[in-house]
């Protein structure tokens, strides 16, 4: 076997090993999916991504080790497709969130975020009652509200101190500021 085949086989073997925790994470979420909408939402993409990477890496590994031209073509086209889909997702995420960078607030360390600043698709999703129930359930289940408050000597921090902190967009909106 040539050294390039050894390299492709080795890389695909490592990719195969990396797909196992991804697939395992999806399966683990599926066992806990009845708890929250977030886990249900995340389990299937993780399982699909894990299986896809597993199958593609096995095809590349077998094609490289056995010098099977068909498997190598299948591997190359599948990798091309996966890369195009990932680039498309990154572009989509950027376009949807591009203008929502936040506005400065007078005498505050954080920025304020307004729904009209975002794309129409994202606004419609967040403003929809059906999706907002799922989003708010995910936020509540994550415990971000409990973690955002700090105690000083056993007492909650004063509002002025809280407002001077650098808050993330979720903390700003959940506190109703």
N, C-alpha and C. Protein backbone atom coordinates (compact mmCIF):
# COMPACT_ATOMS: atom_id res chain seq x y z
N UNK A 1 0.84 -1.17 0.00
CA UNK A 1 0.00 0.00 0.00
C UNK A 1 0.90 1.24 0.00
N UNK A 2 0.54 2.22 -0.80
CA UNK A 2 1.33 3.45 -0.86
C UNK A 2 1.12 4.26 0.41
N UNK A 3 2.02 5.21 0.63
CA UNK A 3 1.94 6.01 1.85
C UNK A 3 0.69 6.89 1.87
N UNK A 4 0.20 7.34 0.69
CA UNK A 4 -1.02 8.15 0.68
C UNK A 4 -2.22 7.32 1.11
N UNK A 5 -2.25 6.06 0.73
CA UNK A 5 -3.33 5.18 1.18
C UNK A 5 -3.24 4.93 2.68
N UNK A 6 -2.00 4.81 3.19
CA UNK A 6 -1.82 4.65 4.63
C UNK A 6 -2.35 5.88 5.36
N UNK A 7 -2.02 7.06 4.85
CA UNK A 7 -2.46 8.31 5.48
C UNK A 7 -3.98 8.44 5.45
N UNK A 8 -4.60 8.16 4.30
CA UNK A 8 -6.06 8.23 4.18
C UNK A 8 -6.71 7.20 5.10
N UNK A 9 -6.17 6.01 5.14
CA UNK A 9 -6.70 4.97 6.02
C UNK A 9 -6.59 5.37 7.48
N UNK A 10 -5.45 5.92 7.87
CA UNK A 10 -5.24 6.34 9.26
C UNK A 10 -6.18 7.48 9.63
N UNK A 11 -6.32 8.48 8.76
CA UNK A 11 -7.22 9.60 9.03
C UNK A 11 -8.66 9.12 9.16
N UNK A 12 -9.06 8.20 8.30
CA UNK A 12 -10.43 7.69 8.37
C UNK A 12 -10.64 6.82 9.60
N UNK A 13 -9.61 6.13 10.04
CA UNK A 13 -9.73 5.36 11.28
C UNK A 13 -9.95 6.29 12.47
N UNK A 14 -9.19 7.41 12.52
CA UNK A 14 -9.39 8.38 13.60
C UNK A 14 -10.76 9.05 13.50
N UNK A 15 -11.21 9.32 12.29
CA UNK A 15 -12.54 9.89 12.10
C UNK A 15 -13.61 8.91 12.57
N UNK A 16 -13.41 7.63 12.28
CA UNK A 16 -14.32 6.60 12.77
C UNK A 16 -14.37 6.60 14.29
N UNK A 17 -13.21 6.69 14.92
CA UNK A 17 -13.17 6.71 16.39
C UNK A 17 -13.86 7.96 16.95
N UNK A 18 -13.72 9.09 16.26
CA UNK A 18 -14.37 10.31 16.72
C UNK A 18 -15.88 10.28 16.52
N UNK A 19 -16.35 9.50 15.56
CA UNK A 19 -17.80 9.42 15.34
C UNK A 19 -18.51 8.65 16.44
N UNK A 20 -17.79 7.79 17.12
CA UNK A 20 -18.41 6.97 18.17
C UNK A 20 -18.94 7.82 19.33
N UNK A 21 -18.16 8.80 19.87
CA UNK A 21 -18.74 9.63 20.94
C UNK A 21 -19.91 10.50 20.46
N UNK A 22 -19.87 10.94 19.20
CA UNK A 22 -20.99 11.73 18.68
C UNK A 22 -22.25 10.88 18.64
N UNK A 23 -22.13 9.69 18.09
CA UNK A 23 -23.26 8.77 18.04
C UNK A 23 -23.70 8.38 19.45
N UNK A 24 -22.75 8.14 20.32
CA UNK A 24 -23.07 7.81 21.71
C UNK A 24 -23.80 8.94 22.41
N UNK A 25 -23.40 10.19 22.12
CA UNK A 25 -24.10 11.34 22.71
C UNK A 25 -25.54 11.42 22.24
N UNK A 26 -25.77 11.16 20.97
CA UNK A 26 -27.14 11.16 20.46
C UNK A 26 -27.98 10.06 21.07
N UNK A 27 -27.39 8.88 21.22
CA UNK A 27 -28.11 7.77 21.84
C UNK A 27 -28.37 8.07 23.32
N UNK A 28 -27.39 8.64 24.00
CA UNK A 28 -27.57 9.00 25.40
C UNK A 28 -28.70 10.02 25.55
N UNK A 29 -28.75 11.02 24.64
CA UNK A 29 -29.84 11.99 24.69
C UNK A 29 -31.19 11.33 24.43
N UNK A 30 -31.21 10.34 23.56
CA UNK A 30 -32.50 9.67 23.26
C UNK A 30 -33.03 8.92 24.48
N UNK A 31 -32.15 8.48 25.36
CA UNK A 31 -32.62 7.81 26.58
C UNK A 31 -33.17 8.81 27.57
N UNK A 32 -32.80 10.08 27.44
CA UNK A 32 -33.26 11.14 28.33
C UNK A 32 -34.22 12.09 27.63
N UNK A 33 -34.61 11.79 26.42
CA UNK A 33 -35.37 12.73 25.59
C UNK A 33 -36.75 13.05 26.14
N UNK A 34 -37.32 12.20 26.96
CA UNK A 34 -38.64 12.50 27.47
C UNK A 34 -38.62 13.59 28.53
N UNK A 35 -37.44 14.04 28.93
CA UNK A 35 -37.35 15.09 29.94
C UNK A 35 -37.65 16.47 29.37
N UNK A 36 -37.04 16.83 28.26
CA UNK A 36 -37.19 18.18 27.74
C UNK A 36 -37.29 18.18 26.22
N UNK A 37 -37.83 19.30 25.71
CA UNK A 37 -37.89 19.49 24.26
C UNK A 37 -36.49 19.67 23.68
N UNK A 38 -35.58 20.25 24.45
CA UNK A 38 -34.23 20.50 23.96
C UNK A 38 -33.52 19.19 23.62
N UNK A 39 -33.61 18.25 24.52
CA UNK A 39 -32.93 16.99 24.29
C UNK A 39 -33.53 16.26 23.10
N UNK A 40 -34.85 16.32 22.96
CA UNK A 40 -35.49 15.70 21.81
C UNK A 40 -35.04 16.36 20.52
N UNK A 41 -34.90 17.68 20.56
CA UNK A 41 -34.48 18.43 19.39
C UNK A 41 -33.05 18.09 18.99
N UNK A 42 -32.18 17.87 19.95
CA UNK A 42 -30.76 17.64 19.68
C UNK A 42 -30.41 16.19 19.37
N UNK A 43 -31.21 15.24 19.83
CA UNK A 43 -30.82 13.84 19.71
C UNK A 43 -30.71 13.38 18.26
N UNK A 44 -31.69 13.72 17.41
CA UNK A 44 -31.68 13.20 16.05
C UNK A 44 -30.58 13.80 15.19
N UNK A 45 -30.31 15.11 15.26
CA UNK A 45 -29.16 15.60 14.49
C UNK A 45 -27.85 14.93 14.92
N UNK A 46 -27.67 14.71 16.22
CA UNK A 46 -26.43 14.05 16.68
C UNK A 46 -26.35 12.61 16.17
N UNK A 47 -27.45 11.91 16.20
CA UNK A 47 -27.44 10.52 15.71
C UNK A 47 -27.17 10.49 14.21
N UNK A 48 -27.81 11.37 13.45
CA UNK A 48 -27.61 11.40 12.00
C UNK A 48 -26.17 11.78 11.66
N UNK A 49 -25.63 12.79 12.34
CA UNK A 49 -24.25 13.20 12.10
C UNK A 49 -23.29 12.08 12.47
N UNK A 50 -23.51 11.43 13.61
CA UNK A 50 -22.64 10.34 14.04
C UNK A 50 -22.65 9.17 13.07
N UNK A 51 -23.83 8.77 12.62
CA UNK A 51 -23.93 7.65 11.68
C UNK A 51 -23.31 8.04 10.34
N UNK A 52 -23.55 9.27 9.87
CA UNK A 52 -22.98 9.71 8.59
C UNK A 52 -21.46 9.68 8.62
N UNK A 53 -20.89 10.24 9.67
CA UNK A 53 -19.43 10.25 9.78
C UNK A 53 -18.89 8.83 9.89
N UNK A 54 -19.59 7.99 10.64
CA UNK A 54 -19.17 6.60 10.81
C UNK A 54 -19.15 5.88 9.46
N UNK A 55 -20.22 5.99 8.69
CA UNK A 55 -20.32 5.29 7.40
C UNK A 55 -19.29 5.83 6.41
N UNK A 56 -19.17 7.16 6.33
CA UNK A 56 -18.22 7.76 5.38
C UNK A 56 -16.79 7.37 5.76
N UNK A 57 -16.45 7.40 7.04
CA UNK A 57 -15.08 7.04 7.43
C UNK A 57 -14.80 5.56 7.18
N UNK A 58 -15.80 4.71 7.38
CA UNK A 58 -15.60 3.29 7.07
C UNK A 58 -15.39 3.08 5.58
N UNK A 59 -16.14 3.80 4.75
CA UNK A 59 -15.97 3.69 3.30
C UNK A 59 -14.57 4.17 2.90
N UNK A 60 -14.12 5.27 3.46
CA UNK A 60 -12.77 5.77 3.16
C UNK A 60 -11.69 4.83 3.65
N UNK A 61 -11.88 4.28 4.83
CA UNK A 61 -10.90 3.35 5.40
C UNK A 61 -10.81 2.08 4.55
N UNK A 62 -11.97 1.51 4.22
CA UNK A 62 -11.98 0.28 3.40
C UNK A 62 -11.45 0.56 2.00
N UNK A 63 -11.82 1.70 1.43
CA UNK A 63 -11.34 2.05 0.09
C UNK A 63 -9.84 2.23 0.06
N UNK A 64 -9.30 2.85 1.11
CA UNK A 64 -7.85 3.08 1.15
C UNK A 64 -7.10 1.77 1.41
N UNK A 65 -7.60 0.97 2.32
CA UNK A 65 -6.89 -0.27 2.67
C UNK A 65 -6.95 -1.31 1.56
N UNK A 66 -8.08 -1.42 0.89
CA UNK A 66 -8.25 -2.45 -0.13
C UNK A 66 -8.12 -1.90 -1.55
N UNK A 67 -7.75 -0.65 -1.67
CA UNK A 67 -7.59 0.02 -2.97
C UNK A 67 -8.84 -0.17 -3.84
N UNK A 68 -9.98 0.04 -3.22
CA UNK A 68 -11.25 -0.09 -3.91
C UNK A 68 -11.64 1.28 -4.46
N UNK A 69 -11.62 1.42 -5.77
CA UNK A 69 -11.88 2.70 -6.42
C UNK A 69 -13.31 3.17 -6.17
N UNK A 70 -14.27 2.26 -6.20
CA UNK A 70 -15.66 2.65 -5.99
C UNK A 70 -15.85 3.25 -4.60
N UNK A 71 -15.29 2.59 -3.58
CA UNK A 71 -15.43 3.11 -2.22
C UNK A 71 -14.72 4.45 -2.05
N UNK A 72 -13.60 4.63 -2.73
CA UNK A 72 -12.90 5.92 -2.65
C UNK A 72 -13.71 7.03 -3.31
N UNK A 73 -14.34 6.74 -4.45
CA UNK A 73 -15.21 7.74 -5.09
C UNK A 73 -16.42 8.04 -4.20
N UNK A 74 -17.01 7.00 -3.63
CA UNK A 74 -18.13 7.19 -2.72
C UNK A 74 -17.71 8.05 -1.54
N UNK A 75 -16.55 7.76 -0.99
CA UNK A 75 -15.99 8.52 0.13
C UNK A 75 -15.78 9.98 -0.26
N UNK A 76 -15.16 10.23 -1.40
CA UNK A 76 -14.89 11.60 -1.83
C UNK A 76 -16.17 12.39 -2.07
N UNK A 77 -17.16 11.78 -2.72
CA UNK A 77 -18.42 12.48 -2.95
C UNK A 77 -19.18 12.73 -1.65
N UNK A 78 -19.17 11.78 -0.77
CA UNK A 78 -19.84 11.96 0.52
C UNK A 78 -19.17 13.06 1.33
N UNK A 79 -17.84 13.08 1.35
CA UNK A 79 -17.12 14.14 2.06
C UNK A 79 -17.40 15.50 1.43
N UNK A 80 -17.43 15.55 0.10
CA UNK A 80 -17.76 16.79 -0.59
C UNK A 80 -19.15 17.27 -0.19
N UNK A 81 -20.12 16.36 -0.18
CA UNK A 81 -21.48 16.71 0.20
C UNK A 81 -21.55 17.20 1.65
N UNK A 82 -20.87 16.52 2.56
CA UNK A 82 -20.87 16.92 3.98
C UNK A 82 -20.24 18.30 4.13
N UNK A 83 -19.14 18.55 3.45
CA UNK A 83 -18.48 19.87 3.53
C UNK A 83 -19.38 20.96 2.98
N UNK A 84 -20.05 20.70 1.85
CA UNK A 84 -20.96 21.70 1.26
C UNK A 84 -22.13 21.98 2.22
N UNK A 85 -22.68 20.95 2.84
CA UNK A 85 -23.78 21.14 3.79
C UNK A 85 -23.31 21.96 4.99
N UNK A 86 -22.14 21.67 5.51
CA UNK A 86 -21.63 22.43 6.66
C UNK A 86 -21.35 23.89 6.29
N UNK A 87 -20.79 24.13 5.13
CA UNK A 87 -20.57 25.51 4.68
C UNK A 87 -21.91 26.23 4.51
N UNK A 88 -22.89 25.53 3.93
CA UNK A 88 -24.22 26.11 3.78
C UNK A 88 -24.84 26.46 5.12
N UNK A 89 -24.66 25.60 6.12
CA UNK A 89 -25.19 25.88 7.45
C UNK A 89 -24.53 27.10 8.07
N UNK A 90 -23.22 27.21 7.92
CA UNK A 90 -22.50 28.37 8.47
C UNK A 90 -22.98 29.66 7.80
N UNK A 91 -23.13 29.64 6.49
CA UNK A 91 -23.62 30.81 5.77
C UNK A 91 -25.04 31.16 6.22
N UNK A 92 -25.90 30.16 6.34
CA UNK A 92 -27.27 30.38 6.80
C UNK A 92 -27.28 31.00 8.19
N UNK A 93 -26.50 30.46 9.11
CA UNK A 93 -26.45 30.99 10.48
C UNK A 93 -25.96 32.43 10.49
N UNK A 94 -24.99 32.73 9.66
CA UNK A 94 -24.47 34.10 9.60
C UNK A 94 -25.53 35.05 9.05
N UNK A 95 -26.21 34.67 7.99
CA UNK A 95 -27.23 35.54 7.38
C UNK A 95 -28.38 35.78 8.34
N UNK A 96 -28.80 34.75 9.07
CA UNK A 96 -29.94 34.87 9.98
C UNK A 96 -29.62 35.77 11.16
N UNK A 97 -28.39 35.74 11.64
CA UNK A 97 -28.04 36.49 12.86
C UNK A 97 -27.17 37.71 12.59
N UNK A 98 -26.94 38.06 11.35
CA UNK A 98 -25.98 39.10 11.00
C UNK A 98 -26.24 40.45 11.66
N UNK A 99 -27.45 40.95 11.60
CA UNK A 99 -27.72 42.30 12.09
C UNK A 99 -28.05 42.34 13.58
N UNK A 100 -28.14 41.22 14.23
CA UNK A 100 -28.52 41.18 15.63
C UNK A 100 -27.33 41.25 16.56
N UNK A 101 -26.52 42.27 16.44
CA UNK A 101 -25.31 42.34 17.25
C UNK A 101 -25.51 43.10 18.55
N UNK A 102 -26.69 43.63 18.79
CA UNK A 102 -26.96 44.33 20.04
C UNK A 102 -26.70 45.81 19.95
N UNK A 103 -27.44 46.54 20.77
CA UNK A 103 -27.30 48.00 20.83
C UNK A 103 -26.79 48.39 22.20
N UNK A 104 -25.89 49.37 22.25
CA UNK A 104 -25.38 49.80 23.56
C UNK A 104 -26.50 50.41 24.41
N UNK A 105 -26.42 50.22 25.72
CA UNK A 105 -27.38 50.77 26.67
C UNK A 105 -26.64 51.75 27.56
N UNK A 106 -27.23 52.90 27.75
CA UNK A 106 -26.61 53.95 28.57
C UNK A 106 -26.40 53.47 30.01
N UNK A 107 -25.20 53.67 30.54
CA UNK A 107 -24.83 53.30 31.91
C UNK A 107 -24.95 51.81 32.21
N UNK A 108 -24.82 51.00 31.20
CA UNK A 108 -24.85 49.55 31.39
C UNK A 108 -23.67 48.93 30.66
N UNK A 109 -23.20 47.81 31.18
CA UNK A 109 -22.08 47.11 30.57
C UNK A 109 -22.52 46.21 29.42
N UNK A 110 -23.76 45.79 29.45
CA UNK A 110 -24.27 44.85 28.46
C UNK A 110 -24.90 45.59 27.28
N UNK A 111 -25.20 44.82 26.23
CA UNK A 111 -25.91 45.36 25.07
C UNK A 111 -27.34 44.84 25.10
N UNK A 112 -28.25 45.61 24.50
CA UNK A 112 -29.64 45.19 24.42
C UNK A 112 -29.91 44.64 23.03
N UNK A 113 -30.65 43.56 22.98
CA UNK A 113 -30.92 42.87 21.72
C UNK A 113 -32.40 42.97 21.40
N UNK A 114 -32.72 43.35 20.17
CA UNK A 114 -34.10 43.53 19.74
C UNK A 114 -34.42 42.53 18.64
N UNK A 115 -35.57 41.90 18.75
CA UNK A 115 -35.98 40.91 17.77
C UNK A 115 -36.09 41.49 16.36
N UNK A 116 -36.57 42.73 16.17
CA UNK A 116 -36.65 43.27 14.80
C UNK A 116 -35.29 43.42 14.11
N UNK A 117 -34.20 43.36 14.86
CA UNK A 117 -32.87 43.48 14.25
C UNK A 117 -32.47 42.22 13.48
N UNK A 118 -33.12 41.12 13.75
CA UNK A 118 -32.75 39.86 13.13
C UNK A 118 -33.53 39.62 11.84
N UNK A 119 -33.15 38.59 11.09
CA UNK A 119 -33.80 38.30 9.81
C UNK A 119 -35.25 37.90 10.02
N UNK A 120 -36.03 38.00 8.95
CA UNK A 120 -37.45 37.66 9.01
C UNK A 120 -37.69 36.23 9.42
N UNK A 121 -36.87 35.30 8.94
CA UNK A 121 -37.05 33.90 9.28
C UNK A 121 -36.89 33.67 10.78
N UNK A 122 -35.83 34.24 11.36
CA UNK A 122 -35.58 34.05 12.79
C UNK A 122 -36.64 34.76 13.62
N UNK A 123 -37.04 35.96 13.22
CA UNK A 123 -38.10 36.68 13.94
C UNK A 123 -39.38 35.85 13.98
N UNK A 124 -39.75 35.29 12.84
CA UNK A 124 -40.98 34.50 12.78
C UNK A 124 -40.90 33.27 13.67
N UNK A 125 -39.74 32.64 13.71
CA UNK A 125 -39.58 31.44 14.53
C UNK A 125 -39.68 31.78 16.02
N UNK A 126 -39.00 32.83 16.44
CA UNK A 126 -38.98 33.19 17.86
C UNK A 126 -40.32 33.76 18.29
N UNK A 127 -40.98 34.53 17.42
CA UNK A 127 -42.26 35.15 17.76
C UNK A 127 -43.41 34.15 17.76
N UNK A 128 -43.27 33.03 17.08
CA UNK A 128 -44.32 32.02 17.03
C UNK A 128 -44.51 31.40 18.42
N UNK A 129 -45.77 31.29 18.86
CA UNK A 129 -46.05 30.71 20.18
C UNK A 129 -45.55 29.28 20.30
N UNK A 130 -45.70 28.51 19.23
CA UNK A 130 -45.27 27.11 19.26
C UNK A 130 -43.76 27.00 19.50
N UNK A 131 -42.99 27.77 18.77
CA UNK A 131 -41.53 27.71 18.92
C UNK A 131 -41.08 28.38 20.21
N UNK A 132 -41.76 29.45 20.60
CA UNK A 132 -41.34 30.14 21.82
C UNK A 132 -41.51 29.24 23.04
N UNK A 133 -42.57 28.41 23.06
CA UNK A 133 -42.74 27.48 24.18
C UNK A 133 -41.54 26.53 24.27
N UNK A 134 -41.09 26.05 23.11
CA UNK A 134 -39.94 25.14 23.10
C UNK A 134 -38.67 25.87 23.52
N UNK A 135 -38.46 27.07 22.99
CA UNK A 135 -37.26 27.85 23.32
C UNK A 135 -37.23 28.18 24.81
N UNK A 136 -38.35 28.66 25.34
CA UNK A 136 -38.38 29.03 26.76
C UNK A 136 -38.20 27.79 27.64
N UNK A 137 -38.73 26.65 27.20
CA UNK A 137 -38.53 25.41 27.96
C UNK A 137 -37.04 25.05 28.01
N UNK A 138 -36.36 25.20 26.88
CA UNK A 138 -34.92 24.92 26.84
C UNK A 138 -34.15 25.86 27.76
N UNK A 139 -34.52 27.12 27.74
CA UNK A 139 -33.82 28.11 28.58
C UNK A 139 -34.06 27.80 30.05
N UNK A 140 -35.31 27.50 30.41
CA UNK A 140 -35.61 27.17 31.81
C UNK A 140 -34.85 25.92 32.24
N UNK A 141 -34.85 24.89 31.38
CA UNK A 141 -34.19 23.64 31.73
C UNK A 141 -32.68 23.78 31.85
N UNK A 142 -32.11 24.76 31.15
CA UNK A 142 -30.66 24.95 31.20
C UNK A 142 -30.21 25.55 32.53
N UNK A 143 -31.14 26.18 33.26
CA UNK A 143 -30.78 26.78 34.55
C UNK A 143 -30.05 28.09 34.44
N UNK A 144 -30.14 28.77 33.30
CA UNK A 144 -29.41 30.02 33.11
C UNK A 144 -29.90 31.09 34.08
N UNK A 145 -31.18 31.09 34.43
CA UNK A 145 -31.70 32.09 35.37
C UNK A 145 -31.11 31.90 36.76
N UNK A 146 -31.02 30.65 37.21
CA UNK A 146 -30.44 30.39 38.54
C UNK A 146 -28.97 30.77 38.59
N UNK A 147 -28.26 30.53 37.49
CA UNK A 147 -26.83 30.80 37.49
C UNK A 147 -26.50 32.27 37.29
N UNK A 148 -27.45 33.07 36.79
CA UNK A 148 -27.12 34.46 36.48
C UNK A 148 -27.04 35.32 37.73
N UNK A 149 -27.76 34.98 38.79
CA UNK A 149 -27.71 35.77 40.02
C UNK A 149 -26.53 35.38 40.88
N UNK A 150 -25.98 36.36 41.55
CA UNK A 150 -24.86 36.10 42.44
C UNK A 150 -25.22 36.54 43.85
N UNK A 151 -24.63 35.90 44.81
CA UNK A 151 -24.87 36.27 46.21
C UNK A 151 -23.62 36.92 46.79
N UNK A 152 -23.85 37.91 47.63
CA UNK A 152 -22.75 38.58 48.32
C UNK A 152 -23.03 38.51 49.81
N UNK A 153 -22.31 37.69 50.52
CA UNK A 153 -22.52 37.52 51.96
C UNK A 153 -23.86 36.88 52.27
N UNK A 154 -24.34 36.02 51.38
CA UNK A 154 -25.61 35.35 51.61
C UNK A 154 -26.82 36.12 51.10
N UNK A 155 -26.60 37.34 50.61
CA UNK A 155 -27.70 38.15 50.09
C UNK A 155 -27.54 38.31 48.58
N UNK A 156 -28.66 38.41 47.87
CA UNK A 156 -28.55 38.64 46.42
C UNK A 156 -27.85 39.95 46.13
N UNK A 157 -27.10 39.99 45.04
CA UNK A 157 -26.40 41.22 44.69
C UNK A 157 -27.39 42.33 44.36
N UNK A 158 -27.04 43.57 44.64
CA UNK A 158 -27.94 44.68 44.32
C UNK A 158 -28.15 44.81 42.81
N UNK A 159 -29.28 45.38 42.44
CA UNK A 159 -29.62 45.53 41.02
C UNK A 159 -28.56 46.34 40.28
N UNK A 160 -28.05 47.39 40.89
CA UNK A 160 -27.04 48.22 40.22
C UNK A 160 -25.79 47.41 39.89
N UNK A 161 -25.37 46.56 40.79
CA UNK A 161 -24.21 45.71 40.55
C UNK A 161 -24.51 44.72 39.42
N UNK A 162 -25.70 44.16 39.44
CA UNK A 162 -26.11 43.21 38.40
C UNK A 162 -26.10 43.88 37.04
N UNK A 163 -26.64 45.09 36.94
CA UNK A 163 -26.73 45.79 35.66
C UNK A 163 -25.36 46.20 35.12
N UNK A 164 -24.37 46.31 35.98
CA UNK A 164 -23.03 46.70 35.53
C UNK A 164 -22.21 45.51 35.04
N UNK A 165 -22.73 44.30 35.23
CA UNK A 165 -22.03 43.12 34.73
C UNK A 165 -22.18 43.00 33.22
N UNK A 166 -21.27 42.29 32.62
CA UNK A 166 -21.36 42.02 31.18
C UNK A 166 -22.23 40.78 31.00
N UNK A 167 -23.51 41.01 30.68
CA UNK A 167 -24.49 39.93 30.55
C UNK A 167 -24.54 39.43 29.12
N UNK A 168 -24.85 38.16 28.96
CA UNK A 168 -25.05 37.63 27.61
C UNK A 168 -26.49 37.94 27.18
N UNK A 169 -26.80 37.81 25.89
CA UNK A 169 -28.14 38.18 25.40
C UNK A 169 -29.29 37.45 26.10
N UNK A 170 -29.09 36.20 26.45
CA UNK A 170 -30.17 35.44 27.11
C UNK A 170 -30.41 36.01 28.50
N UNK A 171 -29.34 36.32 29.25
CA UNK A 171 -29.52 36.89 30.58
C UNK A 171 -30.21 38.23 30.53
N UNK A 172 -29.91 39.03 29.52
CA UNK A 172 -30.54 40.35 29.39
C UNK A 172 -32.04 40.20 29.19
N UNK A 173 -32.46 39.33 28.28
CA UNK A 173 -33.88 39.18 27.97
C UNK A 173 -34.65 38.46 29.07
N UNK A 174 -34.01 37.52 29.76
CA UNK A 174 -34.72 36.77 30.80
C UNK A 174 -34.95 37.62 32.04
N UNK A 175 -34.10 38.58 32.27
CA UNK A 175 -34.29 39.43 33.44
C UNK A 175 -35.28 40.54 33.17
N UNK A 176 -35.71 40.68 31.91
CA UNK A 176 -36.71 41.70 31.57
C UNK A 176 -36.17 43.11 31.59
N UNK A 177 -34.87 43.26 31.41
CA UNK A 177 -34.26 44.58 31.44
C UNK A 177 -34.60 45.33 30.18
